[in-house]
């Protein structure tokens, strides 16, 4: 799946990853307390979520997949 499709799924509450990532990182959307300002975070197993900024490689990748 391409990033645009993955982003729409994240906005709807899905957690996404890329098949070619070495670690099992998960990217998902979070919202501010008022629910107005969405942003993406990335989380590795056993670590807190941190803000995620997609790289060019991530934006053009077609290996995005939903995490069950």
Protein backbone atom coordinates (compact mmCIF):
# COMPACT_ATOMS: atom_id res chain seq x y z
CA UNK A 1 0.00 0.00 0.00
CA UNK A 2 1.22 3.54 -0.69
CA UNK A 3 1.67 6.23 1.96
CA UNK A 4 -1.48 8.15 0.99
CA UNK A 5 -3.63 5.07 1.60
CA UNK A 6 -1.77 4.31 4.83
CA UNK A 7 -2.29 7.88 6.04
CA UNK A 8 -6.05 7.65 5.49
CA UNK A 9 -6.13 4.42 7.50
CA UNK A 10 -4.06 6.02 10.30
CA UNK A 11 -6.46 8.97 10.40
CA UNK A 12 -9.26 6.42 10.90
CA UNK A 13 -7.42 4.78 13.82
CA UNK A 14 -5.28 2.08 12.21
CA UNK A 15 -1.66 1.37 13.13
CA UNK A 16 0.69 0.97 10.18
CA UNK A 17 4.18 -0.32 9.52
CA UNK A 18 6.43 -0.89 6.54
CA UNK A 19 7.38 -4.37 5.41
CA UNK A 20 11.01 -3.35 4.83
CA UNK A 21 11.60 -1.80 8.25
CA UNK A 22 14.14 -3.81 10.26
CA UNK A 23 12.51 -3.05 13.61
CA UNK A 24 8.82 -3.53 14.37
CA UNK A 25 8.04 0.20 14.46
CA UNK A 26 4.40 1.22 14.30
CA UNK A 27 3.13 4.59 13.05
CA UNK A 28 -0.27 5.94 14.02
CA UNK A 29 -2.19 9.19 14.38
CA UNK A 30 -2.68 10.93 17.70
CA UNK A 31 -4.79 13.97 18.40
CA UNK A 32 -4.37 16.85 20.80
CA UNK A 33 -6.62 16.89 23.86
CA UNK A 34 -9.12 19.08 22.06
CA UNK A 35 -9.11 16.55 19.20
CA UNK A 36 -8.34 19.28 16.71
CA UNK A 37 -4.72 18.92 15.70
CA UNK A 38 -3.70 15.45 14.48
CA UNK A 39 -0.08 14.35 14.26
CA UNK A 40 1.77 11.11 13.55
CA UNK A 41 3.86 9.21 16.06
CA UNK A 42 6.15 6.22 15.73
CA UNK A 43 6.55 3.64 18.45
CA UNK A 44 8.99 0.77 18.80
CA UNK A 45 8.22 -2.20 21.04
CA UNK A 46 9.08 -1.35 24.65
CA UNK A 47 9.50 2.38 23.97
CA UNK A 48 7.32 5.47 24.25
CA UNK A 49 5.81 6.99 21.12
CA UNK A 50 7.68 9.93 19.62
CA UNK A 51 6.66 12.36 16.83
CA UNK A 52 7.10 10.89 13.34
CA UNK A 53 8.11 12.82 10.25
CA UNK A 54 7.94 10.75 7.08
CA UNK A 55 11.08 10.67 4.96
CA UNK A 56 11.08 10.81 1.18
CA UNK A 57 11.74 7.08 1.17
CA UNK A 58 8.65 6.47 3.35
CA UNK A 59 6.47 8.79 1.25
CA UNK A 60 7.32 6.99 -1.99
CA UNK A 61 7.29 3.45 -0.56
CA UNK A 62 4.56 1.02 -1.55
CA UNK A 63 5.13 -1.53 1.23
CA UNK A 64 2.94 0.03 3.95
CA UNK A 65 0.76 -2.49 5.76
CA UNK A 66 -1.73 -2.47 8.61
CA UNK A 67 -0.69 -3.90 11.96
CA UNK A 68 -3.31 -6.37 13.23
